N, C-alpha and C. Protein backbone atom coordinates (compact mmCIF):
# COMPACT_ATOMS: atom_id res chain seq x y z
N MET A 1 -0.69 100.57 40.25
CA MET A 1 -1.32 101.62 39.45
C MET A 1 -2.50 102.24 40.20
N ILE A 2 -3.32 101.36 40.83
CA ILE A 2 -4.48 101.85 41.57
C ILE A 2 -4.05 102.76 42.71
N LEU A 3 -2.99 102.36 43.42
CA LEU A 3 -2.49 103.17 44.53
C LEU A 3 -1.99 104.52 44.04
N VAL A 4 -1.34 104.54 42.89
CA VAL A 4 -0.83 105.79 42.32
C VAL A 4 -1.99 106.72 41.99
N LEU A 5 -3.05 106.16 41.37
CA LEU A 5 -4.21 106.97 41.01
C LEU A 5 -4.90 107.53 42.25
N LEU A 6 -5.03 106.68 43.28
CA LEU A 6 -5.65 107.14 44.51
C LEU A 6 -4.85 108.26 45.16
N PHE A 7 -3.53 108.13 45.14
CA PHE A 7 -2.65 109.15 45.71
C PHE A 7 -2.78 110.45 44.92
N PHE A 8 -2.83 110.33 43.59
CA PHE A 8 -2.95 111.52 42.73
C PHE A 8 -4.28 112.23 42.98
N ASN A 9 -5.36 111.46 43.06
CA ASN A 9 -6.67 112.05 43.29
C ASN A 9 -6.74 112.73 44.65
N ALA A 10 -6.12 112.11 45.65
CA ALA A 10 -6.11 112.70 46.99
C ALA A 10 -5.38 114.02 46.99
N CYS A 11 -4.22 114.05 46.33
CA CYS A 11 -3.43 115.29 46.26
C CYS A 11 -4.20 116.37 45.51
N THR A 12 -4.88 115.98 44.42
CA THR A 12 -5.66 116.94 43.64
C THR A 12 -6.77 117.54 44.49
N GLY A 13 -7.44 116.70 45.28
CA GLY A 13 -8.51 117.19 46.14
C GLY A 13 -8.01 118.19 47.16
N VAL A 14 -6.84 117.94 47.74
CA VAL A 14 -6.24 118.85 48.71
C VAL A 14 -5.92 120.19 48.06
N THR A 15 -5.38 120.14 46.84
CA THR A 15 -5.02 121.36 46.12
C THR A 15 -6.24 122.21 45.84
N VAL A 16 -7.32 121.55 45.37
CA VAL A 16 -8.55 122.28 45.08
C VAL A 16 -9.09 122.95 46.34
N LYS A 17 -9.08 122.21 47.47
CA LYS A 17 -9.58 122.76 48.73
C LYS A 17 -8.73 123.94 49.17
N GLU A 18 -7.41 123.82 49.04
CA GLU A 18 -6.52 124.91 49.42
C GLU A 18 -6.76 126.13 48.54
N ASP A 19 -7.00 125.91 47.24
CA ASP A 19 -7.27 127.02 46.34
C ASP A 19 -8.53 127.76 46.75
N VAL A 20 -9.59 127.01 47.08
CA VAL A 20 -10.85 127.62 47.49
C VAL A 20 -10.66 128.44 48.76
N VAL A 21 -9.97 127.87 49.74
CA VAL A 21 -9.71 128.58 51.00
C VAL A 21 -8.90 129.85 50.74
N GLY A 22 -7.88 129.74 49.87
CA GLY A 22 -7.05 130.89 49.54
C GLY A 22 -7.84 131.98 48.85
N ASN A 23 -8.72 131.60 47.93
CA ASN A 23 -9.56 132.56 47.22
C ASN A 23 -10.51 133.27 48.18
N GLN A 24 -11.09 132.50 49.09
CA GLN A 24 -12.01 133.08 50.07
C GLN A 24 -11.29 134.05 51.01
N ALA A 25 -10.06 133.71 51.38
CA ALA A 25 -9.27 134.58 52.24
C ALA A 25 -8.96 135.89 51.53
N ALA A 26 -8.63 135.80 50.24
CA ALA A 26 -8.34 137.00 49.45
C ALA A 26 -9.59 137.87 49.32
N GLN A 27 -10.75 137.22 49.12
CA GLN A 27 -12.01 137.96 49.03
C GLN A 27 -12.35 138.62 50.35
N GLN A 28 -12.10 137.95 51.47
CA GLN A 28 -12.37 138.51 52.79
C GLN A 28 -11.51 139.74 53.04
N LYS A 29 -10.25 139.67 52.65
CA LYS A 29 -9.35 140.81 52.81
C LYS A 29 -9.82 141.99 51.97
N ARG A 30 -10.24 141.70 50.75
CA ARG A 30 -10.74 142.74 49.85
C ARG A 30 -12.03 143.35 50.40
N ALA A 31 -12.92 142.50 50.93
CA ALA A 31 -14.18 142.98 51.49
C ALA A 31 -13.94 143.87 52.71
N GLU A 32 -12.97 143.51 53.54
CA GLU A 32 -12.66 144.31 54.72
C GLU A 32 -12.14 145.68 54.32
N MET A 33 -11.30 145.73 53.28
CA MET A 33 -10.79 147.01 52.79
C MET A 33 -11.93 147.89 52.27
N LEU A 34 -12.82 147.29 51.46
CA LEU A 34 -13.94 148.06 50.92
C LEU A 34 -14.90 148.48 52.02
N GLY A 35 -15.02 147.66 53.06
CA GLY A 35 -15.91 147.99 54.16
C GLY A 35 -15.49 149.23 54.92
N LEU A 36 -14.21 149.57 54.85
CA LEU A 36 -13.70 150.77 55.51
C LEU A 36 -14.00 152.04 54.72
N ILE A 37 -14.35 151.88 53.45
CA ILE A 37 -14.58 153.04 52.57
C ILE A 37 -16.08 153.32 52.53
N SER A 38 -16.52 154.33 53.26
CA SER A 38 -17.95 154.65 53.34
C SER A 38 -18.36 155.74 52.37
N ASP A 39 -17.37 156.35 51.70
CA ASP A 39 -17.64 157.44 50.76
C ASP A 39 -17.09 157.04 49.39
N TRP A 40 -17.98 156.72 48.46
CA TRP A 40 -17.55 156.28 47.15
C TRP A 40 -18.58 156.64 46.09
N GLY A 41 -18.19 156.52 44.84
CA GLY A 41 -19.12 156.83 43.77
C GLY A 41 -18.68 156.22 42.46
N LEU A 42 -19.58 156.25 41.50
CA LEU A 42 -19.27 155.72 40.18
C LEU A 42 -20.09 156.44 39.12
N VAL A 43 -19.59 156.38 37.90
CA VAL A 43 -20.30 156.91 36.73
C VAL A 43 -20.27 155.82 35.67
N GLY A 44 -21.41 155.56 35.06
CA GLY A 44 -21.44 154.51 34.05
C GLY A 44 -22.75 154.48 33.31
N LYS A 45 -23.03 153.33 32.72
CA LYS A 45 -24.27 153.13 31.97
C LYS A 45 -25.04 151.95 32.56
N ILE A 46 -26.35 152.06 32.53
CA ILE A 46 -27.21 150.99 33.02
C ILE A 46 -28.16 150.57 31.91
N SER A 47 -28.37 149.28 31.81
CA SER A 47 -29.28 148.72 30.80
C SER A 47 -30.27 147.80 31.50
N LEU A 48 -31.56 147.96 31.18
CA LEU A 48 -32.62 147.17 31.79
C LEU A 48 -33.42 146.47 30.71
N ASP A 49 -33.84 145.23 30.99
CA ASP A 49 -34.58 144.46 30.00
C ASP A 49 -35.46 143.44 30.72
N ASP A 50 -36.68 143.26 30.24
CA ASP A 50 -37.57 142.26 30.84
C ASP A 50 -37.95 141.15 29.87
N GLY A 51 -37.23 141.05 28.77
CA GLY A 51 -37.51 140.04 27.77
C GLY A 51 -38.36 140.55 26.63
N ASP A 52 -39.22 141.55 26.89
CA ASP A 52 -40.07 142.14 25.85
C ASP A 52 -39.67 143.57 25.53
N ARG A 53 -39.29 144.30 26.53
CA ARG A 53 -38.90 145.69 26.32
C ARG A 53 -37.68 146.00 27.17
N GLY A 54 -37.00 147.05 26.81
CA GLY A 54 -35.80 147.41 27.54
C GLY A 54 -35.30 148.77 27.12
N GLY A 55 -34.22 149.19 27.74
CA GLY A 55 -33.64 150.48 27.42
C GLY A 55 -32.38 150.68 28.24
N SER A 56 -31.70 151.77 27.96
CA SER A 56 -30.46 152.06 28.67
C SER A 56 -30.34 153.55 28.91
N GLY A 57 -29.44 153.90 29.80
CA GLY A 57 -29.21 155.30 30.11
C GLY A 57 -27.95 155.48 30.93
N LYS A 58 -27.68 156.71 31.32
CA LYS A 58 -26.50 157.02 32.11
C LYS A 58 -26.84 156.98 33.59
N LEU A 59 -25.86 156.58 34.39
CA LEU A 59 -26.04 156.46 35.83
C LEU A 59 -24.87 157.11 36.56
N ARG A 60 -25.21 157.92 37.56
CA ARG A 60 -24.20 158.46 38.48
C ARG A 60 -24.65 158.07 39.89
N TRP A 61 -23.77 157.39 40.62
CA TRP A 61 -24.13 156.85 41.94
C TRP A 61 -23.11 157.31 42.96
N ASN A 62 -23.58 158.03 43.98
CA ASN A 62 -22.70 158.51 45.06
C ASN A 62 -23.22 158.01 46.40
N VAL A 63 -22.31 157.48 47.21
CA VAL A 63 -22.66 156.94 48.52
C VAL A 63 -21.81 157.62 49.60
N LYS A 64 -22.48 158.09 50.65
CA LYS A 64 -21.79 158.65 51.80
C LYS A 64 -22.40 158.04 53.05
N SER A 65 -21.63 157.19 53.70
CA SER A 65 -22.10 156.47 54.88
C SER A 65 -23.37 155.69 54.53
N GLN A 66 -24.48 155.96 55.21
CA GLN A 66 -25.71 155.20 54.98
C GLN A 66 -26.63 155.86 53.96
N HIS A 67 -26.17 156.92 53.33
CA HIS A 67 -27.00 157.64 52.37
C HIS A 67 -26.42 157.50 50.96
N SER A 68 -27.31 157.33 50.00
CA SER A 68 -26.85 157.23 48.61
C SER A 68 -27.76 158.03 47.69
N THR A 69 -27.18 158.51 46.60
CA THR A 69 -27.91 159.26 45.59
C THR A 69 -27.61 158.67 44.23
N LEU A 70 -28.65 158.28 43.51
CA LEU A 70 -28.50 157.75 42.16
C LEU A 70 -29.17 158.69 41.19
N ASP A 71 -28.43 159.18 40.22
CA ASP A 71 -28.97 160.04 39.18
C ASP A 71 -29.05 159.26 37.88
N PHE A 72 -30.26 159.16 37.33
CA PHE A 72 -30.49 158.45 36.07
C PHE A 72 -30.78 159.47 34.97
N HIS A 73 -30.20 159.26 33.82
CA HIS A 73 -30.45 160.13 32.67
C HIS A 73 -30.79 159.26 31.46
N GLY A 74 -32.04 159.34 31.04
CA GLY A 74 -32.45 158.60 29.85
C GLY A 74 -32.71 157.14 30.07
N ALA A 75 -32.68 156.66 31.32
CA ALA A 75 -32.94 155.24 31.56
C ALA A 75 -34.38 154.91 31.18
N MET A 76 -34.55 153.98 30.24
CA MET A 76 -35.85 153.55 29.75
C MET A 76 -36.59 154.69 29.05
N GLY A 77 -35.84 155.68 28.58
CA GLY A 77 -36.46 156.77 27.85
C GLY A 77 -37.37 157.63 28.70
N ARG A 78 -37.15 157.65 30.00
CA ARG A 78 -38.04 158.39 30.90
C ARG A 78 -37.40 159.67 31.42
N GLY A 79 -36.43 160.20 30.71
CA GLY A 79 -35.83 161.45 31.12
C GLY A 79 -34.92 161.30 32.32
N ALA A 80 -34.72 162.43 33.01
CA ALA A 80 -33.82 162.44 34.17
C ALA A 80 -34.63 162.29 35.45
N TRP A 81 -34.13 161.48 36.37
CA TRP A 81 -34.75 161.34 37.68
C TRP A 81 -33.70 160.93 38.69
N GLN A 82 -33.99 161.19 39.95
CA GLN A 82 -33.01 160.94 41.01
C GLN A 82 -33.63 160.06 42.10
N LEU A 83 -32.80 159.18 42.63
CA LEU A 83 -33.23 158.29 43.71
C LEU A 83 -32.32 158.51 44.90
N GLN A 84 -32.91 158.87 46.05
CA GLN A 84 -32.15 159.07 47.27
C GLN A 84 -32.57 158.02 48.29
N THR A 85 -31.59 157.39 48.94
CA THR A 85 -31.90 156.36 49.93
C THR A 85 -31.15 156.64 51.23
N GLY A 86 -31.74 156.19 52.32
CA GLY A 86 -31.13 156.36 53.63
C GLY A 86 -31.89 155.52 54.64
N PRO A 87 -31.50 155.60 55.92
CA PRO A 87 -32.16 154.81 56.96
C PRO A 87 -33.66 155.06 57.04
N GLY A 88 -34.11 156.26 56.65
CA GLY A 88 -35.53 156.60 56.74
C GLY A 88 -36.36 156.15 55.57
N GLY A 89 -35.74 155.55 54.55
CA GLY A 89 -36.49 155.12 53.38
C GLY A 89 -35.89 155.68 52.10
N ALA A 90 -36.72 155.77 51.07
CA ALA A 90 -36.24 156.20 49.76
C ALA A 90 -37.16 157.28 49.18
N VAL A 91 -36.55 158.18 48.42
CA VAL A 91 -37.29 159.26 47.76
C VAL A 91 -36.91 159.26 46.28
N LEU A 92 -37.91 159.28 45.41
CA LEU A 92 -37.67 159.36 43.97
C LEU A 92 -38.12 160.73 43.50
N LYS A 93 -37.20 161.48 42.88
CA LYS A 93 -37.50 162.83 42.42
C LYS A 93 -37.47 162.90 40.90
N GLU A 94 -38.57 163.39 40.32
CA GLU A 94 -38.66 163.55 38.88
C GLU A 94 -38.09 164.91 38.48
N ALA A 95 -37.77 165.04 37.19
CA ALA A 95 -37.23 166.30 36.68
C ALA A 95 -38.25 167.44 36.81
N ASN A 96 -39.55 167.10 36.79
CA ASN A 96 -40.60 168.12 36.88
C ASN A 96 -40.93 168.51 38.32
N GLY A 97 -40.19 167.94 39.28
CA GLY A 97 -40.40 168.28 40.68
C GLY A 97 -41.27 167.30 41.45
N ALA A 98 -41.94 166.40 40.75
CA ALA A 98 -42.78 165.41 41.43
C ALA A 98 -41.92 164.45 42.25
N GLN A 99 -42.48 163.97 43.37
CA GLN A 99 -41.73 163.07 44.25
C GLN A 99 -42.59 161.88 44.67
N GLN A 100 -41.92 160.76 44.88
CA GLN A 100 -42.55 159.57 45.44
C GLN A 100 -41.66 159.08 46.58
N THR A 101 -42.28 158.54 47.61
CA THR A 101 -41.50 158.02 48.74
C THR A 101 -41.96 156.60 49.07
N ALA A 102 -41.07 155.84 49.67
CA ALA A 102 -41.38 154.48 50.10
C ALA A 102 -40.35 154.04 51.13
N VAL A 103 -40.72 153.10 51.96
CA VAL A 103 -39.78 152.55 52.93
C VAL A 103 -38.73 151.72 52.23
N SER A 104 -39.15 150.96 51.21
CA SER A 104 -38.24 150.08 50.46
C SER A 104 -37.85 150.72 49.14
N VAL A 105 -36.55 150.88 48.92
CA VAL A 105 -36.07 151.45 47.67
C VAL A 105 -36.40 150.52 46.50
N ASP A 106 -36.34 149.22 46.71
CA ASP A 106 -36.64 148.28 45.63
C ASP A 106 -38.11 148.38 45.21
N ASP A 107 -39.02 148.55 46.18
CA ASP A 107 -40.44 148.72 45.86
C ASP A 107 -40.67 150.01 45.09
N LEU A 108 -39.97 151.06 45.49
CA LEU A 108 -40.12 152.36 44.84
C LEU A 108 -39.67 152.30 43.39
N VAL A 109 -38.53 151.65 43.14
CA VAL A 109 -38.03 151.54 41.77
C VAL A 109 -38.93 150.65 40.93
N GLN A 110 -39.49 149.61 41.53
CA GLN A 110 -40.40 148.75 40.77
C GLN A 110 -41.65 149.53 40.36
N GLN A 111 -42.14 150.40 41.24
CA GLN A 111 -43.28 151.25 40.88
C GLN A 111 -42.93 152.17 39.72
N ARG A 112 -41.70 152.69 39.75
CA ARG A 112 -41.27 153.65 38.73
C ARG A 112 -40.97 152.98 37.40
N MET A 113 -40.29 151.83 37.44
CA MET A 113 -39.84 151.18 36.22
C MET A 113 -40.82 150.14 35.69
N GLY A 114 -41.61 149.56 36.60
CA GLY A 114 -42.55 148.55 36.15
C GLY A 114 -42.05 147.13 36.28
N TRP A 115 -40.81 146.97 36.74
CA TRP A 115 -40.28 145.62 37.00
C TRP A 115 -39.18 145.71 38.06
N PRO A 116 -38.79 144.58 38.64
CA PRO A 116 -37.85 144.61 39.77
C PRO A 116 -36.42 144.97 39.37
N VAL A 117 -35.84 145.89 40.11
CA VAL A 117 -34.42 146.23 40.00
C VAL A 117 -33.86 146.17 41.42
N PRO A 118 -32.94 145.27 41.71
CA PRO A 118 -32.47 145.06 43.09
C PRO A 118 -31.46 146.12 43.54
N VAL A 119 -31.93 147.37 43.69
CA VAL A 119 -31.03 148.48 44.01
C VAL A 119 -30.29 148.25 45.32
N GLU A 120 -31.02 147.77 46.33
CA GLU A 120 -30.40 147.56 47.64
C GLU A 120 -29.23 146.59 47.56
N ALA A 121 -29.43 145.49 46.85
CA ALA A 121 -28.35 144.50 46.70
C ALA A 121 -27.27 145.00 45.76
N LEU A 122 -27.67 145.77 44.75
CA LEU A 122 -26.70 146.28 43.78
C LEU A 122 -25.65 147.17 44.43
N GLN A 123 -26.02 147.83 45.53
CA GLN A 123 -25.04 148.68 46.22
C GLN A 123 -23.85 147.85 46.69
N TRP A 124 -24.05 146.56 46.92
CA TRP A 124 -22.97 145.64 47.27
C TRP A 124 -22.40 144.97 46.03
N TRP A 125 -23.28 144.47 45.18
CA TRP A 125 -22.83 143.75 43.99
C TRP A 125 -21.93 144.61 43.11
N VAL A 126 -22.27 145.89 43.01
CA VAL A 126 -21.52 146.76 42.11
C VAL A 126 -20.07 146.92 42.56
N ARG A 127 -19.80 146.63 43.84
CA ARG A 127 -18.42 146.66 44.34
C ARG A 127 -17.78 145.28 44.34
N GLY A 128 -18.50 144.31 43.78
CA GLY A 128 -17.95 142.96 43.72
C GLY A 128 -18.07 142.23 45.04
N LEU A 129 -19.13 142.55 45.81
CA LEU A 129 -19.36 141.93 47.11
C LEU A 129 -20.75 141.32 47.16
N ALA A 130 -20.89 140.24 47.90
CA ALA A 130 -22.22 139.70 48.15
C ALA A 130 -22.93 140.62 49.13
N ALA A 131 -24.23 140.82 48.95
CA ALA A 131 -25.01 141.64 49.87
C ALA A 131 -25.23 140.87 51.17
N PRO A 132 -25.51 141.56 52.28
CA PRO A 132 -25.84 140.85 53.52
C PRO A 132 -27.04 139.93 53.30
N GLY A 133 -26.96 138.72 53.78
CA GLY A 133 -28.04 137.76 53.58
C GLY A 133 -27.50 136.45 53.06
N VAL A 134 -28.41 135.57 52.72
CA VAL A 134 -28.04 134.23 52.26
C VAL A 134 -27.42 134.29 50.87
N VAL A 135 -26.28 133.63 50.70
CA VAL A 135 -25.63 133.49 49.39
C VAL A 135 -25.87 132.06 48.92
N GLU A 136 -26.52 131.93 47.77
CA GLU A 136 -26.83 130.59 47.26
C GLU A 136 -25.60 129.93 46.65
N ASN A 137 -24.78 130.73 45.99
CA ASN A 137 -23.55 130.18 45.39
C ASN A 137 -22.65 131.34 44.99
N GLU A 138 -21.34 131.12 45.02
CA GLU A 138 -20.41 132.14 44.56
C GLU A 138 -19.13 131.50 44.05
N GLU A 139 -18.54 132.15 43.06
CA GLU A 139 -17.25 131.73 42.52
C GLU A 139 -16.28 132.90 42.66
N ILE A 140 -15.12 132.62 43.25
CA ILE A 140 -14.12 133.66 43.53
C ILE A 140 -12.80 133.25 42.90
N ASP A 141 -12.11 134.21 42.27
CA ASP A 141 -10.81 133.88 41.68
C ASP A 141 -9.69 134.06 42.70
N ALA A 142 -8.45 133.81 42.28
CA ALA A 142 -7.31 133.82 43.19
C ALA A 142 -7.02 135.20 43.77
N GLU A 143 -7.53 136.26 43.12
CA GLU A 143 -7.31 137.62 43.61
C GLU A 143 -8.45 138.09 44.51
N GLY A 144 -9.35 137.17 44.86
CA GLY A 144 -10.45 137.52 45.74
C GLY A 144 -11.58 138.26 45.05
N ARG A 145 -11.66 138.14 43.72
CA ARG A 145 -12.68 138.84 42.95
C ARG A 145 -13.85 137.90 42.65
N LEU A 146 -15.05 138.35 42.95
CA LEU A 146 -16.23 137.57 42.60
C LEU A 146 -16.34 137.45 41.08
N GLN A 147 -16.56 136.24 40.61
CA GLN A 147 -16.76 136.01 39.19
C GLN A 147 -18.22 135.67 38.89
N ASP A 148 -18.85 134.99 39.83
CA ASP A 148 -20.25 134.58 39.65
C ASP A 148 -20.90 134.51 41.03
N LEU A 149 -22.11 135.05 41.14
CA LEU A 149 -22.81 135.10 42.42
C LEU A 149 -24.28 134.79 42.21
N GLN A 150 -24.85 133.96 43.07
CA GLN A 150 -26.28 133.70 43.07
C GLN A 150 -26.83 134.08 44.43
N GLN A 151 -27.73 135.07 44.42
CA GLN A 151 -28.26 135.60 45.68
C GLN A 151 -29.64 136.21 45.44
N PHE A 152 -30.57 135.94 46.36
CA PHE A 152 -31.93 136.47 46.30
C PHE A 152 -32.64 136.13 44.98
N GLY A 153 -32.30 134.99 44.40
CA GLY A 153 -32.93 134.59 43.15
C GLY A 153 -32.29 135.18 41.91
N TRP A 154 -31.28 136.04 42.09
CA TRP A 154 -30.57 136.66 40.97
C TRP A 154 -29.24 135.95 40.75
N ARG A 155 -28.83 135.89 39.49
CA ARG A 155 -27.48 135.43 39.18
C ARG A 155 -26.70 136.63 38.65
N VAL A 156 -25.57 136.90 39.25
CA VAL A 156 -24.75 138.06 38.89
C VAL A 156 -23.42 137.57 38.33
N GLU A 157 -23.10 138.01 37.12
CA GLU A 157 -21.84 137.64 36.48
C GLU A 157 -20.96 138.88 36.36
N PHE A 158 -19.73 138.75 36.82
CA PHE A 158 -18.76 139.85 36.76
C PHE A 158 -17.77 139.53 35.65
N SER A 159 -17.88 140.26 34.53
CA SER A 159 -17.07 139.90 33.37
C SER A 159 -15.73 140.62 33.31
N ARG A 160 -15.65 141.80 33.93
CA ARG A 160 -14.40 142.56 33.88
C ARG A 160 -14.21 143.34 35.17
N TYR A 161 -12.94 143.50 35.56
CA TYR A 161 -12.58 144.31 36.73
C TYR A 161 -11.59 145.38 36.32
N GLN A 162 -11.49 146.43 37.13
CA GLN A 162 -10.47 147.46 36.97
C GLN A 162 -9.90 147.77 38.35
N THR A 163 -8.65 148.17 38.40
CA THR A 163 -8.00 148.47 39.67
C THR A 163 -8.11 149.95 39.98
N VAL A 164 -8.67 150.27 41.15
CA VAL A 164 -8.87 151.65 41.58
C VAL A 164 -8.23 151.80 42.95
N GLU A 165 -7.25 152.69 43.06
CA GLU A 165 -6.54 152.89 44.34
C GLU A 165 -6.03 151.57 44.90
N GLY A 166 -5.58 150.70 44.00
CA GLY A 166 -5.02 149.42 44.42
C GLY A 166 -6.05 148.34 44.73
N ILE A 167 -7.34 148.65 44.54
CA ILE A 167 -8.41 147.70 44.85
C ILE A 167 -9.13 147.30 43.57
N PRO A 168 -9.27 146.00 43.28
CA PRO A 168 -10.02 145.58 42.09
C PRO A 168 -11.52 145.80 42.27
N LEU A 169 -12.12 146.54 41.32
CA LEU A 169 -13.55 146.82 41.35
C LEU A 169 -14.17 146.47 40.00
N PRO A 170 -15.42 146.04 39.99
CA PRO A 170 -16.05 145.63 38.74
C PRO A 170 -16.11 146.75 37.70
N LYS A 171 -15.92 146.37 36.47
CA LYS A 171 -16.11 147.28 35.34
C LYS A 171 -17.40 146.94 34.60
N ARG A 172 -17.71 145.66 34.57
CA ARG A 172 -18.96 145.21 33.95
C ARG A 172 -19.60 144.11 34.80
N LEU A 173 -20.91 144.19 34.96
CA LEU A 173 -21.63 143.11 35.63
C LEU A 173 -23.01 142.96 35.01
N ASN A 174 -23.47 141.72 34.96
CA ASN A 174 -24.79 141.40 34.44
C ASN A 174 -25.56 140.64 35.52
N ALA A 175 -26.74 141.13 35.86
CA ALA A 175 -27.59 140.45 36.85
C ALA A 175 -28.87 140.00 36.16
N GLY A 176 -29.27 138.76 36.41
CA GLY A 176 -30.47 138.24 35.78
C GLY A 176 -31.31 137.42 36.72
N ARG A 177 -32.63 137.52 36.55
CA ARG A 177 -33.57 136.69 37.30
C ARG A 177 -34.75 136.42 36.38
N GLY A 178 -34.85 135.19 35.89
CA GLY A 178 -35.87 134.88 34.90
C GLY A 178 -35.62 135.69 33.64
N ASP A 179 -36.63 136.43 33.19
CA ASP A 179 -36.49 137.26 31.99
C ASP A 179 -35.88 138.63 32.27
N TYR A 180 -35.75 138.98 33.54
CA TYR A 180 -35.26 140.31 33.89
C TYR A 180 -33.73 140.38 33.83
N ARG A 181 -33.22 141.47 33.27
CA ARG A 181 -31.79 141.68 33.15
C ARG A 181 -31.44 143.11 33.56
N VAL A 182 -30.38 143.23 34.35
CA VAL A 182 -29.81 144.53 34.71
C VAL A 182 -28.33 144.46 34.40
N LYS A 183 -27.87 145.36 33.54
CA LYS A 183 -26.46 145.37 33.16
C LYS A 183 -25.84 146.72 33.52
N LEU A 184 -24.64 146.67 34.05
CA LEU A 184 -23.91 147.89 34.40
C LEU A 184 -22.54 147.89 33.74
N ALA A 185 -22.20 149.00 33.12
CA ALA A 185 -20.86 149.21 32.57
C ALA A 185 -20.31 150.46 33.25
N ILE A 186 -19.31 150.28 34.09
CA ILE A 186 -18.81 151.38 34.91
C ILE A 186 -17.59 152.02 34.26
N GLY A 187 -17.71 153.29 33.97
CA GLY A 187 -16.62 154.00 33.31
C GLY A 187 -15.62 154.60 34.27
N ARG A 188 -16.11 155.04 35.43
CA ARG A 188 -15.21 155.71 36.38
C ARG A 188 -15.66 155.45 37.82
N TRP A 189 -14.68 155.18 38.67
CA TRP A 189 -14.91 154.97 40.10
C TRP A 189 -14.31 156.13 40.90
N ARG A 190 -14.89 156.38 42.08
CA ARG A 190 -14.32 157.33 43.04
C ARG A 190 -14.32 156.67 44.41
N LEU A 191 -13.16 156.59 45.03
CA LEU A 191 -13.03 156.08 46.40
C LEU A 191 -12.39 157.15 47.25
N ASP A 192 -13.06 157.58 48.30
CA ASP A 192 -12.51 158.62 49.18
C ASP A 192 -11.70 157.94 50.28
N LEU A 193 -10.42 157.71 50.00
CA LEU A 193 -9.55 157.04 50.97
C LEU A 193 -9.15 157.97 52.10
N ASP A 194 -9.20 159.29 51.89
CA ASP A 194 -8.84 160.22 52.95
C ASP A 194 -9.77 160.05 54.15
N LYS A 195 -11.07 159.89 53.88
CA LYS A 195 -12.02 159.71 54.98
C LYS A 195 -11.82 158.37 55.66
N THR A 196 -11.35 157.39 54.89
CA THR A 196 -11.05 156.08 55.47
C THR A 196 -9.93 156.20 56.48
N LEU A 197 -8.90 156.97 56.12
CA LEU A 197 -7.76 157.16 57.02
C LEU A 197 -8.15 157.96 58.26
N GLU A 198 -9.11 158.90 58.10
CA GLU A 198 -9.55 159.70 59.23
C GLU A 198 -10.26 158.83 60.27
N ASN A 199 -11.00 157.81 59.77
CA ASN A 199 -11.70 156.91 60.69
C ASN A 199 -10.71 156.01 61.36
């Protein structure tokens, strides 16, 4: 009986290890495909909360190569504003024409919102990818989709995915660090595969 149990446990351990390796391989393949797409965008809703106050609004996010533009409407009841990022830093434009600049987009958003929003990392997380840097923990399913990620002190949970141009992309994600919460509900994705083929 003891030998049978030992054999069963050994086989179970091998299966679990093979599953993990298979999931990671699927995630790597998915990441490589997304890495080829430098022109993409999304439309959805963003919700922010710090435990005492919060709010939500509409978000439109467009990325072309190393440049991105985020348009916020009604986020935290502060009207419309735009965030542009690139290799040279970040620019925040208010509806009244006022502008703020900073080298770090995360610092700029914290000045504007009053609490941390990991915009730089979200550009990766929103596609279901870990951002460059140390990953504290991650859970990946058999289709290579991130289900849970811990990075930079944030825990990111991916509750739903949708298939866009044959690629699974997040539909809902929740990021939390202490009392801070950032939630995204993505209604529509855009992937420019034509430019991918040109490259």
